[in-house]
């Protein structure tokens, strides 16, 4: 399912117009992104938790030359599925 299909599904399930559903989805994504940028996590009970995890610096290898390179430390977004979501797909 891509974004436009998700917007159509939201509009159909909620009775909103496609434009309103699109704005609601964009606002949700923006809010989650802002929370993660601020260092917070977002928990949706039954669905899952979005959070930021720190990835430490490490040594890597250039696949073309085989040369060892240093990869910088970074923060990465993470999602952990909730119990209800896990149960619904099994």
PDB file of N, CA and C in Angstrom:
ATOM      1  N   UNK A   1       0.849  -1.165   0.000  1.00  0.00           N
ATOM      2  CA  UNK A   1       0.000   0.000   0.000  1.00  0.00           C
ATOM      3  C   UNK A   1       0.899   1.234   0.000  1.00  0.00           C
ATOM      4  N   UNK A   2       0.647   2.134  -0.936  1.00  0.00           N
ATOM      5  CA  UNK A   2       1.413   3.377  -0.965  1.00  0.00           C
ATOM      6  C   UNK A   2       0.602   4.501  -0.313  1.00  0.00           C
ATOM      7  N   UNK A   3       1.149   5.703  -0.315  1.00  0.00           N
ATOM      8  CA  UNK A   3       0.514   6.812   0.404  1.00  0.00           C
ATOM      9  C   UNK A   3      -0.876   7.138  -0.142  1.00  0.00           C
ATOM     10  N   UNK A   4      -1.031   7.182  -1.446  1.00  0.00           N
ATOM     11  CA  UNK A   4      -2.346   7.526  -2.006  1.00  0.00           C
ATOM     12  C   UNK A   4      -3.378   6.440  -1.704  1.00  0.00           C
ATOM     13  N   UNK A   5      -2.971   5.181  -1.698  1.00  0.00           N
ATOM     14  CA  UNK A   5      -3.887   4.104  -1.330  1.00  0.00           C
ATOM     15  C   UNK A   5      -4.267   4.197   0.146  1.00  0.00           C
ATOM     16  N   UNK A   6      -3.319   4.588   0.985  1.00  0.00           N
ATOM     17  CA  UNK A   6      -3.597   4.770   2.404  1.00  0.00           C
ATOM     18  C   UNK A   6      -4.576   5.929   2.611  1.00  0.00           C
ATOM     19  N   UNK A   7      -4.382   7.007   1.888  1.00  0.00           N
ATOM     20  CA  UNK A   7      -5.310   8.149   1.969  1.00  0.00           C
ATOM     21  C   UNK A   7      -6.708   7.718   1.559  1.00  0.00           C
ATOM     22  N   UNK A   8      -6.824   6.943   0.491  1.00  0.00           N
ATOM     23  CA  UNK A   8      -8.138   6.453   0.054  1.00  0.00           C
ATOM     24  C   UNK A   8      -8.781   5.577   1.126  1.00  0.00           C
ATOM     25  N   UNK A   9      -7.994   4.712   1.752  1.00  0.00           N
ATOM     26  CA  UNK A   9      -8.529   3.835   2.798  1.00  0.00           C
ATOM     27  C   UNK A   9      -8.979   4.638   4.013  1.00  0.00           C
ATOM     28  N   UNK A  10      -8.211   5.655   4.400  1.00  0.00           N
ATOM     29  CA  UNK A  10      -8.592   6.516   5.527  1.00  0.00           C
ATOM     30  C   UNK A  10      -9.880   7.259   5.209  1.00  0.00           C
ATOM     31  N   UNK A  11      -9.971   7.801   4.000  1.00  0.00           N
ATOM     32  CA  UNK A  11     -11.172   8.545   3.602  1.00  0.00           C
ATOM     33  C   UNK A  11     -12.400   7.648   3.613  1.00  0.00           C
ATOM     34  N   UNK A  12     -12.258   6.446   3.117  1.00  0.00           N
ATOM     35  CA  UNK A  12     -13.385   5.512   3.067  1.00  0.00           C
ATOM     36  C   UNK A  12     -13.815   5.074   4.470  1.00  0.00           C
ATOM     37  N   UNK A  13     -12.858   4.788   5.331  1.00  0.00           N
ATOM     38  CA  UNK A  13     -13.172   4.298   6.675  1.00  0.00           C
ATOM     39  C   UNK A  13     -13.725   5.389   7.585  1.00  0.00           C
ATOM     40  N   UNK A  14     -13.304   6.642   7.365  1.00  0.00           N
ATOM     41  CA  UNK A  14     -13.693   7.715   8.277  1.00  0.00           C
ATOM     42  C   UNK A  14     -14.804   8.605   7.752  1.00  0.00           C
ATOM     43  N   UNK A  15     -15.110   8.515   6.468  1.00  0.00           N
ATOM     44  CA  UNK A  15     -16.126   9.390   5.895  1.00  0.00           C
ATOM     45  C   UNK A  15     -15.591  10.763   5.542  1.00  0.00           C
ATOM     46  N   UNK A  16     -14.291  10.959   5.644  1.00  0.00           N
ATOM     47  CA  UNK A  16     -13.672  12.227   5.256  1.00  0.00           C
ATOM     48  C   UNK A  16     -13.496  12.280   3.747  1.00  0.00           C
ATOM     49  N   UNK A  17     -13.291  13.485   3.224  1.00  0.00           N
ATOM     50  CA  UNK A  17     -12.928  13.597   1.818  1.00  0.00           C
ATOM     51  C   UNK A  17     -11.481  13.152   1.671  1.00  0.00           C
ATOM     52  N   UNK A  18     -11.080  12.857   0.448  1.00  0.00           N
ATOM     53  CA  UNK A  18      -9.692  12.442   0.222  1.00  0.00           C
ATOM     54  C   UNK A  18      -8.731  13.566   0.585  1.00  0.00           C
ATOM     55  N   UNK A  19      -9.120  14.813   0.326  1.00  0.00           N
ATOM     56  CA  UNK A  19      -8.265  15.949   0.663  1.00  0.00           C
ATOM     57  C   UNK A  19      -8.091  16.059   2.174  1.00  0.00           C
ATOM     58  N   UNK A  20      -9.188  15.910   2.924  1.00  0.00           N
ATOM     59  CA  UNK A  20      -9.105  15.972   4.383  1.00  0.00           C
ATOM     60  C   UNK A  20      -8.288  14.804   4.935  1.00  0.00           C
ATOM     61  N   UNK A  21      -8.476  13.630   4.373  1.00  0.00           N
ATOM     62  CA  UNK A  21      -7.718  12.458   4.817  1.00  0.00           C
ATOM     63  C   UNK A  21      -6.229  12.651   4.538  1.00  0.00           C
ATOM     64  N   UNK A  22      -5.899  13.242   3.403  1.00  0.00           N
ATOM     65  CA  UNK A  22      -4.506  13.523   3.053  1.00  0.00           C
ATOM     66  C   UNK A  22      -3.878  14.509   4.026  1.00  0.00           C
ATOM     67  N   UNK A  23      -4.628  15.564   4.363  1.00  0.00           N
ATOM     68  CA  UNK A  23      -4.126  16.543   5.323  1.00  0.00           C
ATOM     69  C   UNK A  23      -3.958  15.911   6.706  1.00  0.00           C
ATOM     70  N   UNK A  24      -4.879  15.039   7.098  1.00  0.00           N
ATOM     71  CA  UNK A  24      -4.780  14.362   8.395  1.00  0.00           C
ATOM     72  C   UNK A  24      -3.550  13.450   8.433  1.00  0.00           C
ATOM     73  N   UNK A  25      -3.312  12.720   7.361  1.00  0.00           N
ATOM     74  CA  UNK A  25      -2.142  11.844   7.302  1.00  0.00           C
ATOM     75  C   UNK A  25      -0.856  12.661   7.338  1.00  0.00           C
ATOM     76  N   UNK A  26      -0.804  13.749   6.566  1.00  0.00           N
ATOM     77  CA  UNK A  26       0.375  14.607   6.556  1.00  0.00           C
ATOM     78  C   UNK A  26       0.635  15.203   7.939  1.00  0.00           C
ATOM     79  N   UNK A  27      -0.431  15.614   8.627  1.00  0.00           N
ATOM     80  CA  UNK A  27      -0.290  16.177   9.971  1.00  0.00           C
ATOM     81  C   UNK A  27       0.218  15.123  10.948  1.00  0.00           C
ATOM     82  N   UNK A  28      -0.250  13.894  10.817  1.00  0.00           N
ATOM     83  CA  UNK A  28       0.203  12.808  11.685  1.00  0.00           C
ATOM     84  C   UNK A  28       1.683  12.533  11.465  1.00  0.00           C
ATOM     85  N   UNK A  29       2.088  12.422  10.223  1.00  0.00           N
ATOM     86  CA  UNK A  29       3.494  12.162   9.902  1.00  0.00           C
ATOM     87  C   UNK A  29       4.371  13.312  10.387  1.00  0.00           C
ATOM     88  N   UNK A  30       3.910  14.537  10.204  1.00  0.00           N
ATOM     89  CA  UNK A  30       4.654  15.712  10.646  1.00  0.00           C
ATOM     90  C   UNK A  30       4.800  15.734  12.168  1.00  0.00           C
ATOM     91  N   UNK A  31       3.740  15.388  12.874  1.00  0.00           N
ATOM     92  CA  UNK A  31       3.780  15.376  14.338  1.00  0.00           C
ATOM     93  C   UNK A  31       4.729  14.308  14.863  1.00  0.00           C
ATOM     94  N   UNK A  32       4.710  13.131  14.266  1.00  0.00           N
ATOM     95  CA  UNK A  32       5.618  12.056  14.681  1.00  0.00           C
ATOM     96  C   UNK A  32       7.066  12.474  14.398  1.00  0.00           C
ATOM     97  N   UNK A  33       7.300  13.053  13.231  1.00  0.00           N
ATOM     98  CA  UNK A  33       8.643  13.499  12.861  1.00  0.00           C
ATOM     99  C   UNK A  33       9.155  14.561  13.826  1.00  0.00           C
ATOM    100  N   UNK A  34       8.305  15.525  14.161  1.00  0.00           N
ATOM    101  CA  UNK A  34       8.698  16.589  15.087  1.00  0.00           C
ATOM    102  C   UNK A  34       9.027  16.032  16.465  1.00  0.00           C
ATOM    103  N   UNK A  35       8.236  15.087  16.927  1.00  0.00           N
ATOM    104  CA  UNK A  35       8.484  14.479  18.230  1.00  0.00           C
ATOM    105  C   UNK A  35       9.822  13.734  18.231  1.00  0.00           C
ATOM    106  N   UNK A  36      10.104  13.000  17.177  1.00  0.00           N
ATOM    107  CA  UNK A  36      11.371  12.264  17.089  1.00  0.00           C
ATOM    108  C   UNK A  36      12.552  13.217  17.005  1.00  0.00           C
ATOM    109  N   UNK A  37      12.401  14.328  16.272  1.00  0.00           N
ATOM    110  CA  UNK A  37      13.469  15.313  16.186  1.00  0.00           C
ATOM    111  C   UNK A  37      13.754  15.929  17.544  1.00  0.00           C
ATOM    112  N   UNK A  38      12.720  16.054  18.377  1.00  0.00           N
ATOM    113  CA  UNK A  38      12.883  16.602  19.709  1.00  0.00           C
ATOM    114  C   UNK A  38      13.387  15.596  20.721  1.00  0.00           C
ATOM    115  N   UNK A  39      13.629  14.363  20.304  1.00  0.00           N
ATOM    116  CA  UNK A  39      14.152  13.340  21.201  1.00  0.00           C
ATOM    117  C   UNK A  39      13.074  12.557  21.934  1.00  0.00           C
ATOM    118  N   UNK A  40      11.809  12.827  21.643  1.00  0.00           N
ATOM    119  CA  UNK A  40      10.711  12.106  22.285  1.00  0.00           C
ATOM    120  C   UNK A  40      10.395  10.828  21.517  1.00  0.00           C
ATOM    121  N   UNK A  41       9.607   9.963  22.143  1.00  0.00           N
ATOM    122  CA  UNK A  41       9.090   8.793  21.449  1.00  0.00           C
ATOM    123  C   UNK A  41       7.578   8.966  21.331  1.00  0.00           C
ATOM    124  N   UNK A  42       6.978   8.263  20.382  1.00  0.00           N
ATOM    125  CA  UNK A  42       5.535   8.323  20.159  1.00  0.00           C
ATOM    126  C   UNK A  42       4.984   6.918  20.322  1.00  0.00           C
ATOM    127  N   UNK A  43       4.116   6.734  21.321  1.00  0.00           N
ATOM    128  CA  UNK A  43       3.522   5.420  21.588  1.00  0.00           C
ATOM    129  C   UNK A  43       2.052   5.435  21.213  1.00  0.00           C
ATOM    130  N   UNK A  44       1.661   4.529  20.357  1.00  0.00           N
ATOM    131  CA  UNK A  44       0.271   4.340  19.981  1.00  0.00           C
ATOM    132  C   UNK A  44      -0.128   2.959  20.507  1.00  0.00           C
ATOM    133  N   UNK A  45      -0.862   2.941  21.600  1.00  0.00           N
ATOM    134  CA  UNK A  45      -1.203   1.689  22.279  1.00  0.00           C
ATOM    135  C   UNK A  45      -1.875   0.736  21.290  1.00  0.00           C
ATOM    136  N   UNK A  46      -1.364  -0.478  21.227  1.00  0.00           N
ATOM    137  CA  UNK A  46      -1.904  -1.492  20.334  1.00  0.00           C
ATOM    138  C   UNK A  46      -1.281  -1.481  18.954  1.00  0.00           C
ATOM    139  N   UNK A  47      -0.672  -0.349  18.562  1.00  0.00           N
ATOM    140  CA  UNK A  47      -0.056  -0.261  17.240  1.00  0.00           C
ATOM    141  C   UNK A  47       1.447  -0.391  17.346  1.00  0.00           C
ATOM    142  N   UNK A  48       2.083   0.493  18.130  1.00  0.00           N
ATOM    143  CA  UNK A  48       3.526   0.409  18.277  1.00  0.00           C
ATOM    144  C   UNK A  48       4.118   1.700  18.790  1.00  0.00           C
ATOM    145  N   UNK A  49       5.449   1.722  18.850  1.00  0.00           N
ATOM    146  CA  UNK A  49       6.178   2.861  19.373  1.00  0.00           C
ATOM    147  C   UNK A  49       7.252   3.297  18.386  1.00  0.00           C
ATOM    148  N   UNK A  50       7.239   4.590  18.069  1.00  0.00           N
ATOM    149  CA  UNK A  50       8.284   5.197  17.258  1.00  0.00           C
ATOM    150  C   UNK A  50       9.287   5.818  18.224  1.00  0.00           C
ATOM    151  N   UNK A  51      10.581   5.610  17.995  1.00  0.00           N
ATOM    152  CA  UNK A  51      11.596   6.185  18.866  1.00  0.00           C
ATOM    153  C   UNK A  51      12.863   6.443  18.055  1.00  0.00           C
ATOM    154  N   UNK A  52      13.837   7.089  18.705  1.00  0.00           N
ATOM    155  CA  UNK A  52      15.129   7.358  18.079  1.00  0.00           C
ATOM    156  C   UNK A  52      16.174   6.548  18.819  1.00  0.00           C
ATOM    157  N   UNK A  53      17.012   5.849  18.067  1.00  0.00           N
ATOM    158  CA  UNK A  53      18.087   5.057  18.653  1.00  0.00           C
ATOM    159  C   UNK A  53      19.423   5.609  18.171  1.00  0.00           C
ATOM    160  N   UNK A  54      20.416   5.565  19.056  1.00  0.00           N
ATOM    161  CA  UNK A  54      21.761   6.025  18.706  1.00  0.00           C
ATOM    162  C   UNK A  54      22.544   4.866  18.112  1.00  0.00           C
ATOM    163  N   UNK A  55      23.170   5.128  17.005  1.00  0.00           N
ATOM    164  CA  UNK A  55      24.052   4.138  16.373  1.00  0.00           C
ATOM    165  C   UNK A  55      25.482   4.633  16.558  1.00  0.00           C
ATOM    166  N   UNK A  56      26.332   3.856  17.166  1.00  0.00           N
ATOM    167  CA  UNK A  56      27.700   4.287  17.458  1.00  0.00           C
ATOM    168  C   UNK A  56      28.565   4.253  16.202  1.00  0.00           C
ATOM    169  N   UNK A  57      29.683   4.964  16.290  1.00  0.00           N
ATOM    170  CA  UNK A  57      30.642   4.957  15.183  1.00  0.00           C
ATOM    171  C   UNK A  57      31.228   3.556  15.054  1.00  0.00           C
ATOM    172  N   UNK A  58      31.559   3.191  13.839  1.00  0.00           N
ATOM    173  CA  UNK A  58      32.084   1.849  13.622  1.00  0.00           C
ATOM    174  C   UNK A  58      32.947   1.821  12.367  1.00  0.00           C
ATOM    175  N   UNK A  59      33.709   0.765  12.238  1.00  0.00           N
ATOM    176  CA  UNK A  59      34.543   0.576  11.052  1.00  0.00           C
ATOM    177  C   UNK A  59      33.730  -0.171  10.006  1.00  0.00           C
ATOM    178  N   UNK A  60      33.842   0.263   8.772  1.00  0.00           N
ATOM    179  CA  UNK A  60      33.166  -0.398   7.658  1.00  0.00           C
ATOM    180  C   UNK A  60      34.180  -0.704   6.573  1.00  0.00           C
ATOM    181  N   UNK A  61      33.697  -1.240   5.469  1.00  0.00           N
ATOM    182  CA  UNK A  61      34.598  -1.591   4.379  1.00  0.00           C
ATOM    183  C   UNK A  61      33.970  -1.138   3.064  1.00  0.00           C
ATOM    184  N   UNK A  62      34.783  -0.458   2.261  1.00  0.00           N
ATOM    185  CA  UNK A  62      34.350  -0.046   0.935  1.00  0.00           C
ATOM    186  C   UNK A  62      34.287  -1.303   0.069  1.00  0.00           C
ATOM    187  N   UNK A  63      33.090  -1.661  -0.441  1.00  0.00           N
ATOM    188  CA  UNK A  63      32.983  -2.918  -1.194  1.00  0.00           C
ATOM    189  C   UNK A  63      33.748  -2.923  -2.515  1.00  0.00           C
ATOM    190  N   UNK A  64      34.008  -1.749  -3.086  1.00  0.00           N
ATOM    191  CA  UNK A  64      34.726  -1.708  -4.355  1.00  0.00           C
ATOM    192  C   UNK A  64      36.230  -1.898  -4.189  1.00  0.00           C
ATOM    193  N   UNK A  65      36.781  -1.261  -3.146  1.00  0.00           N
ATOM    194  CA  UNK A  65      38.233  -1.302  -2.978  1.00  0.00           C
ATOM    195  C   UNK A  65      38.684  -2.195  -1.831  1.00  0.00           C
ATOM    196  N   UNK A  66      37.769  -2.541  -0.938  1.00  0.00           N
ATOM    197  CA  UNK A  66      38.134  -3.339   0.216  1.00  0.00           C
ATOM    198  C   UNK A  66      38.779  -2.508   1.319  1.00  0.00           C
ATOM    199  N   UNK A  67      38.885  -1.199   1.096  1.00  0.00           N
ATOM    200  CA  UNK A  67      39.519  -0.300   2.064  1.00  0.00           C
ATOM    201  C   UNK A  67      38.635  -0.139   3.299  1.00  0.00           C
ATOM    202  N   UNK A  68      39.258  -0.106   4.471  1.00  0.00           N
ATOM    203  CA  UNK A  68      38.530   0.115   5.718  1.00  0.00           C
ATOM    204  C   UNK A  68      38.222   1.599   5.849  1.00  0.00           C
ATOM    205  N   UNK A  69      36.962   1.912   6.202  1.00  0.00           N
ATOM    206  CA  UNK A  69      36.550   3.299   6.382  1.00  0.00           C
ATOM    207  C   UNK A  69      35.865   3.436   7.735  1.00  0.00           C
ATOM    208  N   UNK A  70      35.831   4.645   8.256  1.00  0.00           N
ATOM    209  CA  UNK A  70      35.146   4.915   9.506  1.00  0.00           C
ATOM    210  C   UNK A  70      33.753   5.465   9.197  1.00  0.00           C
ATOM    211  N   UNK A  71      32.742   4.880   9.809  1.00  0.00           N
ATOM    212  CA  UNK A  71      31.359   5.335   9.652  1.00  0.00           C
ATOM    213  C   UNK A  71      31.007   6.117  10.914  1.00  0.00           C
ATOM    214  N   UNK A  72      30.511   7.347  10.736  1.00  0.00           N
ATOM    215  CA  UNK A  72      30.208   8.225  11.863  1.00  0.00           C
ATOM    216  C   UNK A  72      29.033   7.707  12.678  1.00  0.00           C
ATOM    217  N   UNK A  73      28.994   8.128  13.931  1.00  0.00           N
ATOM    218  CA  UNK A  73      27.840   7.837  14.792  1.00  0.00           C
ATOM    219  C   UNK A  73      26.636   8.605  14.260  1.00  0.00           C
ATOM    220  N   UNK A  74      25.438   8.043  14.433  1.00  0.00           N
ATOM    221  CA  UNK A  74      24.232   8.714  13.957  1.00  0.00           C
ATOM    222  C   UNK A  74      23.029   8.274  14.778  1.00  0.00           C
ATOM    223  N   UNK A  75      21.970   9.035  14.641  1.00  0.00           N
ATOM    224  CA  UNK A  75      20.692   8.672  15.256  1.00  0.00           C
ATOM    225  C   UNK A  75      19.794   8.124  14.160  1.00  0.00           C
ATOM    226  N   UNK A  76      19.061   7.046  14.464  1.00  0.00           N
ATOM    227  CA  UNK A  76      18.178   6.448  13.467  1.00  0.00           C
ATOM    228  C   UNK A  76      16.776   6.302  14.045  1.00  0.00           C
ATOM    229  N   UNK A  77      15.749   6.500  13.215  1.00  0.00           N
ATOM    230  CA  UNK A  77      14.391   6.265  13.691  1.00  0.00           C
ATOM    231  C   UNK A  77      14.142   4.769  13.804  1.00  0.00           C
ATOM    232  N   UNK A  78      13.306   4.403  14.771  1.00  0.00           N
ATOM    233  CA  UNK A  78      13.022   3.002  15.020  1.00  0.00           C
ATOM    234  C   UNK A  78      11.529   2.829  15.288  1.00  0.00           C
ATOM    235  N   UNK A  79      10.996   1.676  14.937  1.00  0.00           N
ATOM    236  CA  UNK A  79       9.599   1.355  15.216  1.00  0.00           C
ATOM    237  C   UNK A  79       9.540  -0.032  15.830  1.00  0.00           C
ATOM    238  N   UNK A  80       8.850  -0.142  16.939  1.00  0.00           N
ATOM    239  CA  UNK A  80       8.634  -1.440  17.570  1.00  0.00           C
ATOM    240  C   UNK A  80       7.136  -1.709  17.564  1.00  0.00           C
ATOM    241  N   UNK A  81       6.725  -2.766  16.906  1.00  0.00           N
ATOM    242  CA  UNK A  81       5.311  -3.103  16.790  1.00  0.00           C
ATOM    243  C   UNK A  81       4.726  -3.472  18.147  1.00  0.00           C
ATOM    244  N   UNK A  82       3.484  -3.057  18.369  1.00  0.00           N
ATOM    245  CA  UNK A  82       2.787  -3.373  19.606  1.00  0.00           C
ATOM    246  C   UNK A  82       2.205  -4.784  19.573  1.00  0.00           C
ATOM    247  N   UNK A  83       1.743  -5.237  20.717  1.00  0.00           N
ATOM    248  CA  UNK A  83       1.229  -6.595  20.871  1.00  0.00           C
ATOM    249  C   UNK A  83       0.041  -6.869  19.944  1.00  0.00           C
ATOM    250  N   UNK A  84      -0.894  -5.930  19.856  1.00  0.00           N
ATOM    251  CA  UNK A  84      -2.079  -6.127  19.009  1.00  0.00           C
ATOM    252  C   UNK A  84      -1.705  -6.216  17.531  1.00  0.00           C
ATOM    253  N   UNK A  85      -0.769  -5.367  17.099  1.00  0.00           N
ATOM    254  CA  UNK A  85      -0.343  -5.401  15.711  1.00  0.00           C
ATOM    255  C   UNK A  85       0.354  -6.716  15.381  1.00  0.00           C
ATOM    256  N   UNK A  86       1.218  -7.166  16.283  1.00  0.00           N
ATOM    257  CA  UNK A  86       1.894  -8.452  16.080  1.00  0.00           C
ATOM    258  C   UNK A  86       0.879  -9.596  15.985  1.00  0.00           C
ATOM    259  N   UNK A  87      -0.099  -9.569  16.882  1.00  0.00           N
ATOM    260  CA  UNK A  87      -1.095 -10.634  16.896  1.00  0.00           C
ATOM    261  C   UNK A  87      -1.959 -10.631  15.644  1.00  0.00           C
ATOM    262  N   UNK A  88      -2.237  -9.451  15.103  1.00  0.00           N
ATOM    263  CA  UNK A  88      -3.120  -9.369  13.935  1.00  0.00           C
ATOM    264  C   UNK A  88      -2.485  -9.878  12.655  1.00  0.00           C
ATOM    265  N   UNK A  89      -1.160  -9.873  12.583  1.00  0.00           N
ATOM    266  CA  UNK A  89      -0.500 -10.365  11.363  1.00  0.00           C
ATOM    267  C   UNK A  89      -0.065 -11.811  11.457  1.00  0.00           C
ATOM    268  N   UNK A  90      -0.220 -12.422  12.609  1.00  0.00           N
ATOM    269  CA  UNK A  90       0.133 -13.840  12.773  1.00  0.00           C
ATOM    270  C   UNK A  90      -1.099 -14.715  12.740  1.00  0.00           C
TER     271      UNK A  90
END
